Each structure stands twice: as structure tokens, then as C-alpha cells.
PDB file of N, CA and C in Angstrom:
ATOM      1  N   MET A   1       0.939  -1.121   0.074  1.00  0.00           N
ATOM      2  CA  MET A   1       0.042   0.052   0.027  1.00  0.00           C
ATOM      3  C   MET A   1       1.167   1.150   0.214  1.00  0.00           C
ATOM      4  N   ILE A   2       0.588   2.234  -0.680  1.00  0.00           N
ATOM      5  CA  ILE A   2       1.262   3.315  -0.676  1.00  0.00           C
ATOM      6  C   ILE A   2       0.096   4.621  -0.213  1.00  0.00           C
ATOM      7  N   ILE A   3       0.643   5.337   0.560  1.00  0.00           N
ATOM      8  CA  ILE A   3      -0.157   6.573   1.151  1.00  0.00           C
ATOM      9  C   ILE A   3       0.704   8.355   0.584  1.00  0.00           C
ATOM     10  N   TRP A   4      -0.139   8.827  -0.234  1.00  0.00           N
ATOM     11  CA  TRP A   4       0.193  10.108  -0.769  1.00  0.00           C
ATOM     12  C   TRP A   4       0.163  10.643   0.584  1.00  0.00           C
ATOM     13  N   HIS A   5       1.218  11.522   1.001  1.00  0.00           N
ATOM     14  CA  HIS A   5       1.322  12.393   2.369  1.00  0.00           C
ATOM     15  C   HIS A   5       1.637  13.476   2.411  1.00  0.00           C
ATOM     16  N   ASN A   6       0.838  14.600   2.840  1.00  0.00           N
ATOM     17  CA  ASN A   6       1.225  15.898   3.511  1.00  0.00           C
ATOM     18  C   ASN A   6       1.715  15.635   4.916  1.00  0.00           C
ATOM     19  N   PRO A   7       2.661  15.760   5.324  1.00  0.00           N
ATOM     20  CA  PRO A   7       2.853  15.878   6.741  1.00  0.00           C
ATOM     21  C   PRO A   7       2.272  17.062   7.324  1.00  0.00           C
ATOM     22  N   LYS A   8       1.723  18.399   6.872  1.00  0.00           N
ATOM     23  CA  LYS A   8       1.563  19.202   7.157  1.00  0.00           C
ATOM     24  C   LYS A   8      -0.515  19.306   7.441  1.00  0.00           C
ATOM     25  N   CYS A   9      -0.588  18.102   6.676  1.00  0.00           N
ATOM     26  CA  CYS A   9      -2.058  18.257   6.796  1.00  0.00           C
ATOM     27  C   CYS A   9      -2.662  17.021   8.153  1.00  0.00           C
ATOM     28  N   SER A  10      -3.534  17.964   8.369  1.00  0.00           N
ATOM     29  CA  SER A  10      -3.986  16.659   9.887  1.00  0.00           C
ATOM     30  C   SER A  10      -4.603  15.433   9.381  1.00  0.00           C
ATOM     31  N   LYS A  11      -5.532  15.944   8.232  1.00  0.00           N
ATOM     32  CA  LYS A  11      -6.145  14.410   7.608  1.00  0.00           C
ATOM     33  C   LYS A  11      -4.872  13.440   7.342  1.00  0.00           C
ATOM     34  N   SER A  12      -3.982  13.798   6.643  1.00  0.00           N
ATOM     35  CA  SER A  12      -3.119  12.787   6.282  1.00  0.00           C
ATOM     36  C   SER A  12      -2.360  12.534   7.317  1.00  0.00           C
ATOM     37  N   ARG A  13      -2.108  12.880   8.369  1.00  0.00           N
ATOM     38  CA  ARG A  13      -1.365  12.425   9.662  1.00  0.00           C
ATOM     39  C   ARG A  13      -2.593  11.471  10.228  1.00  0.00           C
ATOM     40  N   GLU A  14      -3.559  11.653   9.992  1.00  0.00           N
ATOM     41  CA  GLU A  14      -4.542  10.951  10.754  1.00  0.00           C
ATOM     42  C   GLU A  14      -4.546   9.502   9.828  1.00  0.00           C
ATOM     43  N   ALA A  15      -4.613   9.343   8.482  1.00  0.00           N
ATOM     44  CA  ALA A  15      -4.557   8.309   7.971  1.00  0.00           C
ATOM     45  C   ALA A  15      -3.358   7.315   8.006  1.00  0.00           C
ATOM     46  N   LEU A  16      -2.120   8.256   8.133  1.00  0.00           N
ATOM     47  CA  LEU A  16      -0.901   7.477   8.527  1.00  0.00           C
ATOM     48  C   LEU A  16      -0.906   7.211   9.546  1.00  0.00           C
ATOM     49  N   LYS A  17      -1.609   7.558  11.083  1.00  0.00           N
ATOM     50  CA  LYS A  17      -1.540   6.827  12.021  1.00  0.00           C
ATOM     51  C   LYS A  17      -2.510   5.804  12.080  1.00  0.00           C
ATOM     52  N   LEU A  18      -3.557   5.670  11.157  1.00  0.00           N
ATOM     53  CA  LEU A  18      -4.366   4.430  10.927  1.00  0.00           C
ATOM     54  C   LEU A  18      -3.318   3.559  10.276  1.00  0.00           C
ATOM     55  N   LEU A  19      -2.794   3.906   9.509  1.00  0.00           N
ATOM     56  CA  LEU A  19      -2.037   2.437   8.947  1.00  0.00           C
ATOM     57  C   LEU A  19      -0.883   1.871   9.642  1.00  0.00           C
ATOM     58  N   GLU A  20      -0.181   3.024  10.448  1.00  0.00           N
ATOM     59  CA  GLU A  20       0.884   2.526  11.453  1.00  0.00           C
ATOM     60  C   GLU A  20       0.273   1.349  12.396  1.00  0.00           C
ATOM     61  N   GLU A  21      -0.890   1.867  12.979  1.00  0.00           N
ATOM     62  CA  GLU A  21      -1.755   1.147  13.762  1.00  0.00           C
ATOM     63  C   GLU A  21      -1.803  -0.193  13.345  1.00  0.00           C
ATOM     64  N   LYS A  22      -2.358  -0.050  12.079  1.00  0.00           N
ATOM     65  CA  LYS A  22      -2.980  -1.417  11.647  1.00  0.00           C
ATOM     66  C   LYS A  22      -1.604  -2.641  11.404  1.00  0.00           C
ATOM     67  N   GLY A  23      -0.352  -1.941  11.236  1.00  0.00           N
ATOM     68  CA  GLY A  23       0.660  -2.834  10.870  1.00  0.00           C
ATOM     69  C   GLY A  23       1.307  -3.422   9.868  1.00  0.00           C
ATOM     70  N   GLY A  24       0.573  -2.961   8.623  1.00  0.00           N
ATOM     71  CA  GLY A  24       0.984  -3.475   7.737  1.00  0.00           C
ATOM     72  C   GLY A  24       2.242  -2.883   6.937  1.00  0.00           C
ATOM     73  N   LEU A  25       2.753  -3.396   5.643  1.00  0.00           N
ATOM     74  CA  LEU A  25       3.445  -2.916   5.071  1.00  0.00           C
ATOM     75  C   LEU A  25       2.875  -1.863   4.155  1.00  0.00           C
ATOM     76  N   PHE A  26       3.710  -0.463   4.556  1.00  0.00           N
ATOM     77  CA  PHE A  26       3.025   0.486   3.424  1.00  0.00           C
ATOM     78  C   PHE A  26       4.184   1.209   3.029  1.00  0.00           C
ATOM     79  N   GLU A  27       4.055   2.093   2.204  1.00  0.00           N
ATOM     80  CA  GLU A  27       5.191   2.980   1.417  1.00  0.00           C
ATOM     81  C   GLU A  27       4.420   4.674   1.830  1.00  0.00           C
ATOM     82  N   VAL A  28       5.336   5.507   2.030  1.00  0.00           N
ATOM     83  CA  VAL A  28       4.847   6.967   2.492  1.00  0.00           C
ATOM     84  C   VAL A  28       5.448   7.597   1.370  1.00  0.00           C
ATOM     85  N   PHE A  29       4.514   8.202   0.231  1.00  0.00           N
ATOM     86  CA  PHE A  29       5.135   8.979  -0.694  1.00  0.00           C
ATOM     87  C   PHE A  29       4.906  10.436  -0.611  1.00  0.00           C
ATOM     88  N   LYS A  30       5.710  11.211  -0.068  1.00  0.00           N
ATOM     89  CA  LYS A  30       5.399  12.682   0.084  1.00  0.00           C
ATOM     90  C   LYS A  30       5.555  13.604  -1.386  1.00  0.00           C
ATOM     91  N   TYR A  31       4.194  13.312  -1.978  1.00  0.00           N
ATOM     92  CA  TYR A  31       4.099  13.998  -3.443  1.00  0.00           C
ATOM     93  C   TYR A  31       4.345  15.516  -3.264  1.00  0.00           C
ATOM     94  N   LEU A  32       4.545  16.484  -2.437  1.00  0.00           N
ATOM     95  CA  LEU A  32       5.263  17.825  -2.521  1.00  0.00           C
ATOM     96  C   LEU A  32       6.495  17.835  -2.647  1.00  0.00           C
ATOM     97  N   ASP A  33       7.270  16.335  -1.941  1.00  0.00           N
ATOM     98  CA  ASP A  33       8.744  16.862  -2.142  1.00  0.00           C
ATOM     99  C   ASP A  33       9.076  16.183  -3.232  1.00  0.00           C
ATOM    100  N   ILE A  34       8.541  15.088  -3.704  1.00  0.00           N
ATOM    101  CA  ILE A  34       8.930  14.524  -5.162  1.00  0.00           C
ATOM    102  C   ILE A  34       7.430  14.483  -5.996  1.00  0.00           C
ATOM    103  N   PRO A  35       7.229  15.661  -6.479  1.00  0.00           N
ATOM    104  CA  PRO A  35       6.125  15.693  -7.338  1.00  0.00           C
ATOM    105  C   PRO A  35       5.603  14.297  -8.512  1.00  0.00           C
ATOM    106  N   PRO A  36       4.469  13.914  -8.371  1.00  0.00           N
ATOM    107  CA  PRO A  36       4.295  12.640  -9.267  1.00  0.00           C
ATOM    108  C   PRO A  36       4.043  13.429 -10.797  1.00  0.00           C
ATOM    109  N   SER A  37       4.652  12.341 -11.509  1.00  0.00           N
ATOM    110  CA  SER A  37       4.461  12.720 -13.225  1.00  0.00           C
ATOM    111  C   SER A  37       2.786  12.670 -13.568  1.00  0.00           C
ATOM    112  N   ARG A  38       3.133  13.062 -14.447  1.00  0.00           N
ATOM    113  CA  ARG A  38       1.778  13.234 -15.483  1.00  0.00           C
ATOM    114  C   ARG A  38       1.129  11.970 -15.420  1.00  0.00           C
ATOM    115  N   GLU A  39       1.896  11.212 -15.951  1.00  0.00           N
ATOM    116  CA  GLU A  39       1.669   9.512 -16.106  1.00  0.00           C
ATOM    117  C   GLU A  39       1.059   8.966 -14.502  1.00  0.00           C
ATOM    118  N   GLU A  40       1.496   9.112 -13.425  1.00  0.00           N
ATOM    119  CA  GLU A  40       1.116   8.740 -12.026  1.00  0.00           C
ATOM    120  C   GLU A  40      -0.225   9.459 -11.715  1.00  0.00           C
ATOM    121  N   ILE A  41      -0.337  10.864 -12.306  1.00  0.00           N
ATOM    122  CA  ILE A  41      -1.514  11.236 -12.038  1.00  0.00           C
ATOM    123  C   ILE A  41      -2.647  10.478 -12.901  1.00  0.00           C
ATOM    124  N   GLU A  42      -2.174  10.158 -14.116  1.00  0.00           N
ATOM    125  CA  GLU A  42      -3.200   9.563 -14.893  1.00  0.00           C
ATOM    126  C   GLU A  42      -3.826   8.433 -14.112  1.00  0.00           C
ATOM    127  N   THR A  43      -2.719   7.404 -13.858  1.00  0.00           N
ATOM    128  CA  THR A  43      -2.900   6.146 -13.261  1.00  0.00           C
ATOM    129  C   THR A  43      -3.819   6.033 -11.963  1.00  0.00           C
ATOM    130  N   LEU A  44      -3.299   7.157 -11.165  1.00  0.00           N
ATOM    131  CA  LEU A  44      -4.182   7.546  -9.973  1.00  0.00           C
ATOM    132  C   LEU A  44      -5.734   7.852 -10.268  1.00  0.00           C
ATOM    133  N   LEU A  45      -5.780   8.683 -11.006  1.00  0.00           N
ATOM    134  CA  LEU A  45      -7.210   9.090 -11.508  1.00  0.00           C
ATOM    135  C   LEU A  45      -8.076   7.873 -12.163  1.00  0.00           C
ATOM    136  N   LYS A  46      -7.608   6.997 -12.954  1.00  0.00           N
ATOM    137  CA  LYS A  46      -8.124   5.988 -13.022  1.00  0.00           C
ATOM    138  C   LYS A  46      -8.552   4.719 -11.912  1.00  0.00           C
ATOM    139  N   LYS A  47      -7.388   4.702 -11.194  1.00  0.00           N
ATOM    140  CA  LYS A  47      -7.691   4.030  -9.585  1.00  0.00           C
ATOM    141  C   LYS A  47      -8.684   4.266  -8.919  1.00  0.00           C
ATOM    142  N   LEU A  48      -8.609   5.772  -8.535  1.00  0.00           N
ATOM    143  CA  LEU A  48      -9.721   6.412  -7.944  1.00  0.00           C
ATOM    144  C   LEU A  48     -11.062   6.332  -8.573  1.00  0.00           C
ATOM    145  N   GLY A  49     -11.189   6.477 -10.034  1.00  0.00           N
ATOM    146  CA  GLY A  49     -12.353   6.775 -10.718  1.00  0.00           C
ATOM    147  C   GLY A  49     -13.064   8.128 -10.570  1.00  0.00           C
ATOM    148  N   VAL A  50     -12.021   8.854 -10.846  1.00  0.00           N
ATOM    149  CA  VAL A  50     -12.655  10.126 -10.722  1.00  0.00           C
ATOM    150  C   VAL A  50     -11.946  11.098 -11.736  1.00  0.00           C
ATOM    151  N   SER A  51     -12.305  12.369 -11.681  1.00  0.00           N
ATOM    152  CA  SER A  51     -11.848  13.178 -12.785  1.00  0.00           C
ATOM    153  C   SER A  51     -10.718  14.044 -12.031  1.00  0.00           C
ATOM    154  N   ALA A  52     -10.111  14.670 -13.072  1.00  0.00           N
ATOM    155  CA  ALA A  52      -8.892  15.409 -12.589  1.00  0.00           C
ATOM    156  C   ALA A  52      -9.434  16.968 -11.717  1.00  0.00           C
ATOM    157  N   ARG A  53     -10.674  17.321 -11.848  1.00  0.00           N
ATOM    158  CA  ARG A  53     -11.306  18.382 -10.791  1.00  0.00           C
ATOM    159  C   ARG A  53     -11.508  17.712  -9.493  1.00  0.00           C
ATOM    160  N   GLU A  54     -11.992  16.556  -9.455  1.00  0.00           N
ATOM    161  CA  GLU A  54     -12.393  15.853  -8.411  1.00  0.00           C
ATOM    162  C   GLU A  54     -10.835  15.530  -7.642  1.00  0.00           C
ATOM    163  N   LEU A  55      -9.949  15.479  -8.025  1.00  0.00           N
ATOM    164  CA  LEU A  55      -8.677  15.305  -7.227  1.00  0.00           C
ATOM    165  C   LEU A  55      -7.916  16.542  -6.643  1.00  0.00           C
ATOM    166  N   MET A  56      -8.741  17.443  -7.094  1.00  0.00           N
ATOM    167  CA  MET A  56      -8.361  19.156  -6.848  1.00  0.00           C
ATOM    168  C   MET A  56      -8.814  19.543  -5.424  1.00  0.00           C
ATOM    169  N   ARG A  57      -7.717  20.052  -4.871  1.00  0.00           N
ATOM    170  CA  ARG A  57      -8.142  21.016  -3.764  1.00  0.00           C
ATOM    171  C   ARG A  57      -8.792  22.671  -4.122  1.00  0.00           C
ATOM    172  N   THR A  58     -10.215  22.393  -4.667  1.00  0.00           N
ATOM    173  CA  THR A  58     -10.829  23.617  -4.840  1.00  0.00           C
ATOM    174  C   THR A  58     -10.659  24.800  -4.096  1.00  0.00           C
ATOM    175  N   LYS A  59     -10.679  24.349  -2.582  1.00  0.00           N
ATOM    176  CA  LYS A  59     -10.776  25.721  -2.039  1.00  0.00           C
ATOM    177  C   LYS A  59      -9.323  26.447  -1.803  1.00  0.00           C
ATOM    178  N   GLU A  60      -8.216  25.665  -2.323  1.00  0.00           N
ATOM    179  CA  GLU A  60      -7.066  26.416  -2.300  1.00  0.00           C
ATOM    180  C   GLU A  60      -6.763  27.826  -2.902  1.00  0.00           C
ATOM    181  N   ASP A  61      -6.122  28.622  -2.473  1.00  0.00           N
ATOM    182  CA  ASP A  61      -5.979  30.197  -3.143  1.00  0.00           C
ATOM    183  C   ASP A  61      -5.216  29.845  -4.282  1.00  0.00           C
ATOM    184  N   LEU A  62      -4.732  28.921  -4.719  1.00  0.00           N
ATOM    185  CA  LEU A  62      -3.647  28.570  -6.212  1.00  0.00           C
ATOM    186  C   LEU A  62      -4.692  28.396  -7.079  1.00  0.00           C
ATOM    187  N   TYR A  63      -5.675  27.522  -6.588  1.00  0.00           N
ATOM    188  CA  TYR A  63      -6.868  27.148  -7.702  1.00  0.00           C
ATOM    189  C   TYR A  63      -7.530  28.301  -8.061  1.00  0.00           C
ATOM    190  N   LYS A  64      -8.064  29.090  -7.391  1.00  0.00           N
ATOM    191  CA  LYS A  64      -8.492  30.610  -7.658  1.00  0.00           C
ATOM    192  C   LYS A  64      -7.448  31.165  -8.694  1.00  0.00           C
ATOM    193  N   GLU A  65      -6.434  31.646  -8.126  1.00  0.00           N
ATOM    194  CA  GLU A  65      -5.233  32.234  -9.022  1.00  0.00           C
ATOM    195  C   GLU A  65      -5.088  31.869 -10.134  1.00  0.00           C
ATOM    196  N   LEU A  66      -4.920  30.490 -10.524  1.00  0.00           N
ATOM    197  CA  LEU A  66      -4.733  30.136 -11.719  1.00  0.00           C
ATOM    198  C   LEU A  66      -6.208  30.031 -12.776  1.00  0.00           C
ATOM    199  N   GLY A  67      -7.171  30.342 -12.187  1.00  0.00           N
ATOM    200  CA  GLY A  67      -8.602  30.205 -12.843  1.00  0.00           C
ATOM    201  C   GLY A  67      -9.087  28.693 -13.137  1.00  0.00           C
ATOM    202  N   LEU A  68      -8.475  28.003 -12.208  1.00  0.00           N
ATOM    203  CA  LEU A  68      -9.002  26.596 -12.900  1.00  0.00           C
ATOM    204  C   LEU A  68     -10.409  26.207 -12.993  1.00  0.00           C
ATOM    205  N   ALA A  69     -11.358  26.902 -12.175  1.00  0.00           N
ATOM    206  CA  ALA A  69     -12.687  26.884 -12.261  1.00  0.00           C
ATOM    207  C   ALA A  69     -13.340  26.974 -13.715  1.00  0.00           C
ATOM    208  N   LYS A  70     -12.483  27.676 -14.436  1.00  0.00           N
ATOM    209  CA  LYS A  70     -13.064  28.106 -15.975  1.00  0.00           C
ATOM    210  C   LYS A  70     -12.573  27.069 -16.928  1.00  0.00           C
ATOM    211  N   ILE A  71     -11.404  26.022 -16.541  1.00  0.00           N
ATOM    212  CA  ILE A  71     -11.184  25.120 -17.392  1.00  0.00           C
ATOM    213  C   ILE A  71     -11.666  23.960 -17.169  1.00  0.00           C
ATOM    214  N   GLU A  72     -12.125  23.577 -18.571  1.00  0.00           N
ATOM    215  CA  GLU A  72     -13.111  21.870 -18.603  1.00  0.00           C
ATOM    216  C   GLU A  72     -12.308  21.213 -19.061  1.00  0.00           C
ATOM    217  N   ASP A  73     -11.199  21.386 -19.709  1.00  0.00           N
ATOM    218  CA  ASP A  73     -10.213  20.520 -20.509  1.00  0.00           C
ATOM    219  C   ASP A  73      -9.452  19.422 -19.545  1.00  0.00           C
ATOM    220  N   GLU A  74      -9.416  18.247 -19.443  1.00  0.00           N
ATOM    221  CA  GLU A  74      -9.345  17.279 -18.509  1.00  0.00           C
ATOM    222  C   GLU A  74      -7.853  17.413 -18.635  1.00  0.00           C
ATOM    223  N   SER A  75      -7.294  17.154 -19.665  1.00  0.00           N
ATOM    224  CA  SER A  75      -5.699  17.257 -20.304  1.00  0.00           C
ATOM    225  C   SER A  75      -4.908  18.401 -19.281  1.00  0.00           C
ATOM    226  N   ALA A  76      -5.575  19.804 -19.638  1.00  0.00           N
ATOM    227  CA  ALA A  76      -5.262  21.051 -18.969  1.00  0.00           C
ATOM    228  C   ALA A  76      -4.988  20.916 -17.614  1.00  0.00           C
ATOM    229  N   LEU A  77      -5.978  20.575 -16.803  1.00  0.00           N
ATOM    230  CA  LEU A  77      -6.592  20.209 -15.409  1.00  0.00           C
ATOM    231  C   LEU A  77      -5.138  19.122 -14.615  1.00  0.00           C
ATOM    232  N   ILE A  78      -4.973  17.929 -15.433  1.00  0.00           N
ATOM    233  CA  ILE A  78      -3.963  17.118 -15.523  1.00  0.00           C
ATOM    234  C   ILE A  78      -2.717  17.780 -15.312  1.00  0.00           C
ATOM    235  N   ASP A  79      -2.482  18.604 -16.311  1.00  0.00           N
ATOM    236  CA  ASP A  79      -1.154  19.492 -16.341  1.00  0.00           C
ATOM    237  C   ASP A  79      -1.098  20.482 -15.017  1.00  0.00           C
ATOM    238  N   ALA A  80      -2.093  20.738 -14.428  1.00  0.00           N
ATOM    239  CA  ALA A  80      -2.175  21.787 -13.595  1.00  0.00           C
ATOM    240  C   ALA A  80      -1.896  20.959 -12.139  1.00  0.00           C
ATOM    241  N   LEU A  81      -2.249  20.083 -11.960  1.00  0.00           N
ATOM    242  CA  LEU A  81      -1.956  18.835 -10.859  1.00  0.00           C
ATOM    243  C   LEU A  81      -0.242  18.373 -11.006  1.00  0.00           C
ATOM    244  N   THR A  82       0.180  18.187 -12.050  1.00  0.00           N
ATOM    245  CA  THR A  82       1.446  17.910 -12.330  1.00  0.00           C
ATOM    246  C   THR A  82       2.296  19.111 -12.049  1.00  0.00           C
ATOM    247  N   GLU A  83       2.064  20.461 -12.550  1.00  0.00           N
ATOM    248  CA  GLU A  83       2.844  21.434 -12.108  1.00  0.00           C
ATOM    249  C   GLU A  83       2.582  22.166 -10.655  1.00  0.00           C
ATOM    250  N   ASN A  84       1.736  21.487 -10.087  1.00  0.00           N
ATOM    251  CA  ASN A  84       0.983  22.271  -8.948  1.00  0.00           C
ATOM    252  C   ASN A  84       0.512  21.113  -7.757  1.00  0.00           C
ATOM    253  N   PRO A  85       1.595  20.232  -7.503  1.00  0.00           N
ATOM    254  CA  PRO A  85       1.165  19.290  -6.620  1.00  0.00           C
ATOM    255  C   PRO A  85       0.351  19.485  -5.269  1.00  0.00           C
ATOM    256  N   LYS A  86       0.689  20.782  -4.719  1.00  0.00           N
ATOM    257  CA  LYS A  86      -0.085  21.308  -3.714  1.00  0.00           C
ATOM    258  C   LYS A  86      -1.719  21.190  -3.846  1.00  0.00           C
ATOM    259  N   LEU A  87      -2.298  21.031  -5.236  1.00  0.00           N
ATOM    260  CA  LEU A  87      -3.600  21.299  -5.587  1.00  0.00           C
ATOM    261  C   LEU A  87      -4.137  19.853  -5.183  1.00  0.00           C
ATOM    262  N   ILE A  88      -3.351  18.486  -5.324  1.00  0.00           N
ATOM    263  CA  ILE A  88      -3.875  17.356  -4.787  1.00  0.00           C
ATOM    264  C   ILE A  88      -4.447  17.355  -3.544  1.00  0.00           C
ATOM    265  N   GLU A  89      -5.528  16.515  -3.558  1.00  0.00           N
ATOM    266  CA  GLU A  89      -6.309  16.315  -2.253  1.00  0.00           C
ATOM    267  C   GLU A  89      -5.417  15.411  -1.811  1.00  0.00           C
ATOM    268  N   ARG A  90      -5.924  15.310  -0.421  1.00  0.00           N
ATOM    269  CA  ARG A  90      -5.080  14.163   0.367  1.00  0.00           C
ATOM    270  C   ARG A  90      -5.956  13.977   1.318  1.00  0.00           C
ATOM    271  N   PRO A  91      -5.382  12.709   2.283  1.00  0.00           N
ATOM    272  CA  PRO A  91      -4.391  11.799   1.735  1.00  0.00           C
ATOM    273  C   PRO A  91      -5.112  10.912   0.739  1.00  0.00           C
ATOM    274  N   ILE A  92      -4.066  10.412   0.061  1.00  0.00           N
ATOM    275  CA  ILE A  92      -4.786   9.204  -0.790  1.00  0.00           C
ATOM    276  C   ILE A  92      -3.873   7.782  -0.598  1.00  0.00           C
ATOM    277  N   LEU A  93      -5.030   6.829  -0.615  1.00  0.00           N
ATOM    278  CA  LEU A  93      -4.198   5.519  -0.394  1.00  0.00           C
ATOM    279  C   LEU A  93      -4.501   4.729  -1.200  1.00  0.00           C
ATOM    280  N   ILE A  94      -3.572   4.071  -1.977  1.00  0.00           N
ATOM    281  CA  ILE A  94      -3.356   3.167  -3.187  1.00  0.00           C
ATOM    282  C   ILE A  94      -3.007   1.505  -2.476  1.00  0.00           C
ATOM    283  N   GLU A  95      -3.845   0.985  -3.129  1.00  0.00           N
ATOM    284  CA  GLU A  95      -3.435  -0.753  -2.964  1.00  0.00           C
ATOM    285  C   GLU A  95      -3.646  -1.050  -4.173  1.00  0.00           C
ATOM    286  N   LYS A  96      -2.717  -1.687  -4.830  1.00  0.00           N
ATOM    287  CA  LYS A  96      -2.810  -2.549  -6.246  1.00  0.00           C
ATOM    288  C   LYS A  96      -3.554  -1.815  -7.348  1.00  0.00           C
ATOM    289  N   ASN A  97      -4.879  -2.249  -7.650  1.00  0.00           N
ATOM    290  CA  ASN A  97      -5.437  -1.278  -8.498  1.00  0.00           C
ATOM    291  C   ASN A  97      -7.046  -0.416  -7.900  1.00  0.00           C
ATOM    292  N   ARG A  98      -6.929  -0.532  -6.857  1.00  0.00           N
ATOM    293  CA  ARG A  98      -7.946   0.544  -5.960  1.00  0.00           C
ATOM    294  C   ARG A  98      -7.026   1.456  -5.472  1.00  0.00           C
ATOM    295  N   ALA A  99      -7.810   2.682  -5.232  1.00  0.00           N
ATOM    296  CA  ALA A  99      -7.401   3.887  -4.324  1.00  0.00           C
ATOM    297  C   ALA A  99      -8.620   4.635  -3.897  1.00  0.00           C
ATOM    298  N   ILE A 100      -8.302   5.330  -2.914  1.00  0.00           N
ATOM    299  CA  ILE A 100      -9.209   6.168  -2.332  1.00  0.00           C
ATOM    300  C   ILE A 100      -8.606   7.888  -1.855  1.00  0.00           C
ATOM    301  N   ILE A 101      -9.229   8.358  -1.893  1.00  0.00           N
ATOM    302  CA  ILE A 101      -9.027  10.114  -1.209  1.00  0.00           C
ATOM    303  C   ILE A 101      -9.662   9.807   0.108  1.00  0.00           C
ATOM    304  N   GLY A 102      -8.972   9.927   1.083  1.00  0.00           N
ATOM    305  CA  GLY A 102      -8.892   9.494   2.528  1.00  0.00           C
ATOM    306  C   GLY A 102      -9.500  10.684   3.326  1.00  0.00           C
ATOM    307  N   ARG A 103     -10.744  11.422   2.807  1.00  0.00           N
ATOM    308  CA  ARG A 103     -11.657  12.523   3.577  1.00  0.00           C
ATOM    309  C   ARG A 103     -12.842  11.962   3.439  1.00  0.00           C
ATOM    310  N   PRO A 104     -13.693  11.624   4.420  1.00  0.00           N
ATOM    311  CA  PRO A 104     -13.165  11.848   5.815  1.00  0.00           C
ATOM    312  C   PRO A 104     -12.493  10.702   6.180  1.00  0.00           C
ATOM    313  N   VAL A 105     -11.646  10.621   7.602  1.00  0.00           N
ATOM    314  CA  VAL A 105     -10.898   9.438   7.882  1.00  0.00           C
ATOM    315  C   VAL A 105     -11.854   8.091   7.783  1.00  0.00           C
ATOM    316  N   GLU A 106     -13.008   8.376   7.855  1.00  0.00           N
ATOM    317  CA  GLU A 106     -13.800   6.829   7.602  1.00  0.00           C
ATOM    318  C   GLU A 106     -13.477   6.211   6.416  1.00  0.00           C
ATOM    319  N   LYS A 107     -13.381   6.857   5.373  1.00  0.00           N
ATOM    320  CA  LYS A 107     -13.112   6.465   4.192  1.00  0.00           C
ATOM    321  C   LYS A 107     -11.763   5.481   4.456  1.00  0.00           C
ATOM    322  N   VAL A 108     -10.738   6.257   4.913  1.00  0.00           N
ATOM    323  CA  VAL A 108      -9.494   5.237   5.283  1.00  0.00           C
ATOM    324  C   VAL A 108     -10.092   3.947   6.343  1.00  0.00           C
ATOM    325  N   ILE A 109     -10.750   4.053   6.858  1.00  0.00           N
ATOM    326  CA  ILE A 109     -11.053   3.114   8.007  1.00  0.00           C
ATOM    327  C   ILE A 109     -11.567   1.775   7.365  1.00  0.00           C
ATOM    328  N   ASP A 110     -12.597   2.357   6.207  1.00  0.00           N
ATOM    329  CA  ASP A 110     -13.413   1.163   5.524  1.00  0.00           C
ATOM    330  C   ASP A 110     -12.119   0.736   4.259  1.00  0.00           C
ATOM    331  N   PHE A 111     -11.382   1.523   3.792  1.00  0.00           N
ATOM    332  CA  PHE A 111     -10.436   0.968   2.931  1.00  0.00           C
ATOM    333  C   PHE A 111      -9.520  -0.230   3.258  1.00  0.00           C
ATOM    334  N   LEU A 112      -9.153   0.084   4.840  1.00  0.00           N
ATOM    335  CA  LEU A 112      -8.190  -0.607   5.567  1.00  0.00           C
ATOM    336  C   LEU A 112      -9.187  -2.068   5.882  1.00  0.00           C
ATOM    337  N   ASN A 113     -10.160  -1.721   5.757  1.00  0.00           N
ATOM    338  CA  ASN A 113     -11.099  -3.130   6.381  1.00  0.00           C
ATOM    339  C   ASN A 113     -11.468  -4.109   4.881  1.00  0.00           C
TER     340      ASN A 113
END
């Protein structure tokens, strides 16, 4: 299992704590330190079954500054996520061919069970 983690995010820290308590093997991917490639984001979107906009933190100032609410083109939104990983919702848990955005934390609990 992989967790896309932002240590500054309380929800991400909660998800990481749940993983640690479960005791299984997992990898922590600090996506702000090493931004994901476009291919990694496209693969993630498929596993999540969501659009690029659904993966975005639409309340971030950066989202508004970039005028992303007006953009409909999926490819352009993926470009924005690639160039600005701060816009990626968190935490994200990935296991094989499935993934979830761990908000609220109950989704993480269900995913781990």
C-alpha cells in the first residue's frame, strides 16, 4: 500500500497513524517533496475513478489564482496537478488497482477493512 502524504495536513497525519496502527507494510510518498509525474496522476485518476477536478483542492488560493474553475479540458487540469502538486487532495491510499481519497477519515478505515 502507498499513502500520498502531506505531513502538514491533519487528515493526512490521521490516515498515516491508522496505517501505522494496522501494522501492515506501506510506503509513504511525500508528493510535495517529489511531485508525481503526469503518468502517475493519470494512473491514480483511473484507480480512483474520478476526474482531475475531483482530485483537486478547489478551495486552495492557488486554484483560484490559476483560474482553474473556468477550465473544462481534462488534460489541462492534469497539467495543473502535475505542475502544482499542492492542488492534489490528500491523503490518498493506493493498493494494487484501487485507491481512495481519505476524506473523511472513515473512508480510510473502510479501505483498510
